[in-house]
Amino acid sequence: MIVNERIVAYINSLDRGNSPICNTIEKEAIEDDVPIIRKEMGNLLKVLLGLKQPQSILEVGTAVGYSSILMSENMPEGCIIDTIETVSYTHLTLPTT
């Protein structure tokens, strides 16, 4: 968790918004009490992806895939995301667009 309010304010000032699918997944995850990353962490991930330009990403704890989709929309072309999840969220349905 990012705790310094000045840092949080700066990171949030960089926010360009999320895609409709990320907004829908975020809304449904909150309604269903599924853990997803906080807004400022998503914004920080976008900044870090832009700066570091990774070729691969390992996500441990995928839940409903919110942060994976967020990262896939902001990662460089050719980057690969591998995910690991040990908790079943099969009772949830992903939104369709």
N, C-alpha and C. Protein backbone atom coordinates (compact mmCIF):
# COMPACT_ATOMS: atom_id res chain seq x y z
N MET A 1 0.84 -1.17 0.00
CA MET A 1 0.00 0.00 0.00
C MET A 1 0.89 1.24 0.00
N ILE A 2 0.55 2.19 -0.84
CA ILE A 2 1.27 3.46 -0.89
C ILE A 2 0.64 4.35 0.17
N VAL A 3 1.46 4.83 1.14
CA VAL A 3 0.89 5.54 2.27
C VAL A 3 1.16 7.04 2.29
N ASN A 4 2.17 7.50 1.59
CA ASN A 4 2.46 8.93 1.57
C ASN A 4 1.46 9.63 0.64
N GLU A 5 0.64 10.51 1.20
CA GLU A 5 -0.42 11.15 0.43
C GLU A 5 0.10 11.97 -0.74
N ARG A 6 1.27 12.58 -0.60
CA ARG A 6 1.84 13.36 -1.71
C ARG A 6 2.21 12.44 -2.86
N ILE A 7 2.74 11.27 -2.54
CA ILE A 7 3.08 10.31 -3.59
C ILE A 7 1.81 9.80 -4.26
N VAL A 8 0.80 9.48 -3.45
CA VAL A 8 -0.48 9.02 -4.00
C VAL A 8 -1.07 10.08 -4.93
N ALA A 9 -1.05 11.33 -4.50
CA ALA A 9 -1.61 12.42 -5.31
C ALA A 9 -0.85 12.54 -6.63
N TYR A 10 0.49 12.43 -6.57
CA TYR A 10 1.28 12.53 -7.80
C TYR A 10 0.96 11.37 -8.75
N ILE A 11 0.95 10.16 -8.21
CA ILE A 11 0.66 8.99 -9.05
C ILE A 11 -0.73 9.12 -9.68
N ASN A 12 -1.70 9.53 -8.89
CA ASN A 12 -3.05 9.68 -9.43
C ASN A 12 -3.15 10.81 -10.45
N SER A 13 -2.26 11.79 -10.36
CA SER A 13 -2.27 12.88 -11.35
C SER A 13 -1.83 12.38 -12.73
N LEU A 14 -1.15 11.25 -12.77
CA LEU A 14 -0.70 10.66 -14.03
C LEU A 14 -1.76 9.80 -14.69
N ASP A 15 -2.88 9.59 -14.01
CA ASP A 15 -3.92 8.68 -14.47
C ASP A 15 -4.54 9.16 -15.78
N ARG A 16 -4.57 8.26 -16.75
CA ARG A 16 -5.20 8.54 -18.04
C ARG A 16 -6.53 7.79 -18.18
N GLY A 17 -6.95 7.16 -17.09
CA GLY A 17 -8.18 6.39 -17.13
C GLY A 17 -7.93 4.95 -17.57
N ASN A 18 -8.92 4.12 -17.41
CA ASN A 18 -8.82 2.71 -17.78
C ASN A 18 -9.76 2.41 -18.94
N SER A 19 -9.55 1.26 -19.54
CA SER A 19 -10.40 0.81 -20.63
C SER A 19 -11.78 0.44 -20.08
N PRO A 20 -12.78 0.40 -20.94
CA PRO A 20 -14.11 -0.02 -20.48
C PRO A 20 -14.11 -1.41 -19.84
N ILE A 21 -13.34 -2.35 -20.37
CA ILE A 21 -13.33 -3.70 -19.79
C ILE A 21 -12.72 -3.67 -18.39
N CYS A 22 -11.66 -2.89 -18.18
CA CYS A 22 -11.07 -2.78 -16.83
C CYS A 22 -12.05 -2.11 -15.87
N ASN A 23 -12.75 -1.09 -16.34
CA ASN A 23 -13.75 -0.43 -15.49
C ASN A 23 -14.86 -1.39 -15.08
N THR A 24 -15.30 -2.23 -16.01
CA THR A 24 -16.36 -3.19 -15.72
C THR A 24 -15.88 -4.26 -14.75
N ILE A 25 -14.68 -4.80 -14.98
CA ILE A 25 -14.13 -5.82 -14.08
C ILE A 25 -13.93 -5.24 -12.69
N GLU A 26 -13.42 -4.01 -12.61
CA GLU A 26 -13.21 -3.36 -11.31
C GLU A 26 -14.54 -3.22 -10.56
N LYS A 27 -15.56 -2.75 -11.24
CA LYS A 27 -16.87 -2.57 -10.62
C LYS A 27 -17.41 -3.90 -10.10
N GLU A 28 -17.34 -4.94 -10.92
CA GLU A 28 -17.88 -6.24 -10.51
C GLU A 28 -17.04 -6.87 -9.40
N ALA A 29 -15.74 -6.69 -9.45
CA ALA A 29 -14.88 -7.24 -8.40
C ALA A 29 -15.20 -6.60 -7.05
N ILE A 30 -15.40 -5.30 -7.06
CA ILE A 30 -15.74 -4.61 -5.82
C ILE A 30 -17.09 -5.10 -5.30
N GLU A 31 -18.06 -5.24 -6.20
CA GLU A 31 -19.38 -5.73 -5.79
C GLU A 31 -19.32 -7.15 -5.22
N ASP A 32 -18.43 -8.00 -5.77
CA ASP A 32 -18.33 -9.39 -5.35
C ASP A 32 -17.25 -9.63 -4.29
N ASP A 33 -16.67 -8.56 -3.76
CA ASP A 33 -15.61 -8.66 -2.74
C ASP A 33 -14.42 -9.49 -3.20
N VAL A 34 -14.05 -9.33 -4.46
CA VAL A 34 -12.86 -9.99 -5.00
C VAL A 34 -11.71 -8.99 -4.91
N PRO A 35 -10.58 -9.40 -4.35
CA PRO A 35 -9.47 -8.45 -4.20
C PRO A 35 -8.82 -8.11 -5.55
N ILE A 36 -8.70 -6.82 -5.79
CA ILE A 36 -7.96 -6.32 -6.95
C ILE A 36 -7.07 -5.17 -6.47
N ILE A 37 -6.13 -4.77 -7.31
CA ILE A 37 -5.22 -3.70 -6.92
C ILE A 37 -5.97 -2.38 -6.80
N ARG A 38 -5.46 -1.52 -5.94
CA ARG A 38 -6.06 -0.20 -5.75
C ARG A 38 -5.73 0.70 -6.95
N LYS A 39 -6.52 1.77 -7.09
CA LYS A 39 -6.37 2.69 -8.21
C LYS A 39 -4.94 3.21 -8.33
N GLU A 40 -4.37 3.68 -7.20
CA GLU A 40 -3.02 4.26 -7.29
C GLU A 40 -1.98 3.21 -7.66
N MET A 41 -2.17 1.96 -7.27
CA MET A 41 -1.23 0.91 -7.66
C MET A 41 -1.35 0.62 -9.15
N GLY A 42 -2.57 0.64 -9.67
CA GLY A 42 -2.75 0.48 -11.12
C GLY A 42 -2.07 1.59 -11.89
N ASN A 43 -2.21 2.82 -11.39
CA ASN A 43 -1.55 3.95 -12.04
C ASN A 43 -0.04 3.82 -11.98
N LEU A 44 0.49 3.36 -10.83
CA LEU A 44 1.93 3.15 -10.70
C LEU A 44 2.40 2.05 -11.65
N LEU A 45 1.64 0.98 -11.78
CA LEU A 45 2.00 -0.09 -12.72
C LEU A 45 2.10 0.44 -14.14
N LYS A 46 1.15 1.27 -14.54
CA LYS A 46 1.19 1.84 -15.89
C LYS A 46 2.47 2.65 -16.11
N VAL A 47 2.83 3.47 -15.11
CA VAL A 47 4.05 4.28 -15.21
C VAL A 47 5.28 3.38 -15.29
N LEU A 48 5.35 2.38 -14.42
CA LEU A 48 6.50 1.48 -14.41
C LEU A 48 6.63 0.69 -15.71
N LEU A 49 5.51 0.25 -16.25
CA LEU A 49 5.55 -0.46 -17.53
C LEU A 49 6.08 0.43 -18.64
N GLY A 50 5.68 1.68 -18.63
CA GLY A 50 6.17 2.63 -19.62
C GLY A 50 7.65 2.90 -19.48
N LEU A 51 8.13 2.97 -18.25
CA LEU A 51 9.55 3.25 -18.00
C LEU A 51 10.44 2.04 -18.25
N LYS A 52 10.01 0.88 -17.75
CA LYS A 52 10.87 -0.32 -17.80
C LYS A 52 10.76 -1.11 -19.10
N GLN A 53 9.63 -1.02 -19.78
CA GLN A 53 9.41 -1.75 -21.03
C GLN A 53 9.80 -3.24 -20.90
N PRO A 54 9.15 -3.97 -19.99
CA PRO A 54 9.55 -5.36 -19.76
C PRO A 54 9.22 -6.26 -20.95
N GLN A 55 9.97 -7.35 -21.06
CA GLN A 55 9.69 -8.35 -22.09
C GLN A 55 8.82 -9.48 -21.55
N SER A 56 8.79 -9.61 -20.22
CA SER A 56 7.94 -10.62 -19.59
C SER A 56 7.51 -10.14 -18.21
N ILE A 57 6.33 -10.61 -17.79
CA ILE A 57 5.75 -10.26 -16.50
C ILE A 57 5.23 -11.53 -15.86
N LEU A 58 5.51 -11.73 -14.57
CA LEU A 58 4.93 -12.82 -13.81
C LEU A 58 4.01 -12.22 -12.77
N GLU A 59 2.75 -12.58 -12.84
CA GLU A 59 1.79 -12.10 -11.85
C GLU A 59 1.40 -13.26 -10.95
N VAL A 60 1.63 -13.10 -9.67
CA VAL A 60 1.27 -14.11 -8.68
C VAL A 60 0.04 -13.61 -7.94
N GLY A 61 -1.06 -14.34 -8.07
CA GLY A 61 -2.33 -13.91 -7.49
C GLY A 61 -3.13 -13.15 -8.51
N THR A 62 -3.79 -13.84 -9.39
CA THR A 62 -4.47 -13.24 -10.53
C THR A 62 -5.92 -12.87 -10.26
N ALA A 63 -6.58 -13.59 -9.38
CA ALA A 63 -8.02 -13.38 -9.08
C ALA A 63 -8.82 -13.40 -10.37
N VAL A 64 -9.43 -12.28 -10.72
CA VAL A 64 -10.27 -12.23 -11.93
C VAL A 64 -9.53 -11.64 -13.13
N GLY A 65 -8.24 -11.39 -13.00
CA GLY A 65 -7.44 -10.94 -14.13
C GLY A 65 -7.41 -9.45 -14.36
N TYR A 66 -7.90 -8.68 -13.40
CA TYR A 66 -7.96 -7.22 -13.57
C TYR A 66 -6.58 -6.62 -13.86
N SER A 67 -5.61 -6.90 -13.00
CA SER A 67 -4.29 -6.28 -13.21
C SER A 67 -3.58 -6.85 -14.43
N SER A 68 -3.85 -8.12 -14.76
CA SER A 68 -3.27 -8.69 -15.98
C SER A 68 -3.77 -7.95 -17.22
N ILE A 69 -5.06 -7.69 -17.25
CA ILE A 69 -5.62 -6.95 -18.38
C ILE A 69 -5.10 -5.52 -18.40
N LEU A 70 -5.05 -4.90 -17.23
CA LEU A 70 -4.51 -3.54 -17.13
C LEU A 70 -3.07 -3.49 -17.66
N MET A 71 -2.25 -4.46 -17.23
CA MET A 71 -0.87 -4.49 -17.70
C MET A 71 -0.79 -4.79 -19.19
N SER A 72 -1.66 -5.70 -19.68
CA SER A 72 -1.61 -6.05 -21.11
C SER A 72 -1.93 -4.85 -21.99
N GLU A 73 -2.74 -3.95 -21.49
CA GLU A 73 -3.09 -2.76 -22.26
C GLU A 73 -1.99 -1.69 -22.22
N ASN A 74 -1.02 -1.85 -21.34
CA ASN A 74 0.02 -0.84 -21.16
C ASN A 74 1.44 -1.37 -21.33
N MET A 75 1.59 -2.63 -21.71
CA MET A 75 2.92 -3.22 -21.86
C MET A 75 3.40 -3.07 -23.30
N PRO A 76 4.71 -3.20 -23.50
CA PRO A 76 5.22 -3.08 -24.87
C PRO A 76 4.80 -4.28 -25.72
N GLU A 77 4.77 -4.07 -27.00
CA GLU A 77 4.43 -5.15 -27.92
C GLU A 77 5.44 -6.29 -27.78
N GLY A 78 4.96 -7.50 -27.77
CA GLY A 78 5.82 -8.67 -27.64
C GLY A 78 6.03 -9.13 -26.21
N CYS A 79 5.61 -8.33 -25.25
CA CYS A 79 5.73 -8.71 -23.84
C CYS A 79 4.75 -9.85 -23.54
N ILE A 80 5.15 -10.75 -22.66
CA ILE A 80 4.33 -11.90 -22.28
C ILE A 80 4.02 -11.83 -20.80
N ILE A 81 2.75 -12.11 -20.44
CA ILE A 81 2.34 -12.17 -19.04
C ILE A 81 2.05 -13.62 -18.69
N ASP A 82 2.71 -14.13 -17.66
CA ASP A 82 2.39 -15.43 -17.09
C ASP A 82 1.71 -15.17 -15.75
N THR A 83 0.65 -15.93 -15.47
CA THR A 83 -0.10 -15.72 -14.23
C THR A 83 -0.19 -17.00 -13.43
N ILE A 84 -0.27 -16.85 -12.12
CA ILE A 84 -0.43 -17.98 -11.20
C ILE A 84 -1.56 -17.62 -10.24
N GLU A 85 -2.50 -18.54 -10.06
CA GLU A 85 -3.59 -18.33 -9.11
C GLU A 85 -3.92 -19.65 -8.44
N THR A 86 -4.03 -19.64 -7.12
CA THR A 86 -4.35 -20.86 -6.39
C THR A 86 -5.77 -20.87 -5.85
N VAL A 87 -6.45 -19.73 -5.90
CA VAL A 87 -7.82 -19.63 -5.41
C VAL A 87 -8.76 -19.66 -6.60
N SER A 88 -9.83 -20.43 -6.50
CA SER A 88 -10.79 -20.53 -7.59
C SER A 88 -11.81 -19.40 -7.52
N TYR A 89 -11.94 -18.71 -8.63
CA TYR A 89 -12.96 -17.68 -8.75
C TYR A 89 -13.94 -18.07 -9.85
N THR A 90 -14.14 -19.36 -10.05
CA THR A 90 -14.98 -19.83 -11.16
C THR A 90 -16.45 -19.51 -10.96
N HIS A 91 -16.86 -19.14 -9.75
CA HIS A 91 -18.24 -18.76 -9.51
C HIS A 91 -18.56 -17.38 -10.07
N LEU A 92 -17.53 -16.66 -10.51
CA LEU A 92 -17.72 -15.33 -11.07
C LEU A 92 -17.70 -15.41 -12.61
N THR A 93 -18.38 -14.51 -13.25
CA THR A 93 -18.35 -14.45 -14.70
C THR A 93 -17.73 -13.14 -15.12
N LEU A 94 -16.86 -13.21 -16.13
CA LEU A 94 -16.25 -12.00 -16.65
C LEU A 94 -17.24 -11.30 -17.57
N PRO A 95 -17.19 -10.00 -17.59
CA PRO A 95 -18.11 -9.26 -18.45
C PRO A 95 -17.75 -9.46 -19.91
N THR A 96 -18.74 -9.37 -20.77
CA THR A 96 -18.49 -9.44 -22.21
C THR A 96 -18.67 -8.05 -22.78
N THR A 97 -17.91 -7.79 -23.83
CA THR A 97 -18.02 -6.46 -24.45
C THR A 97 -18.61 -6.56 -25.82
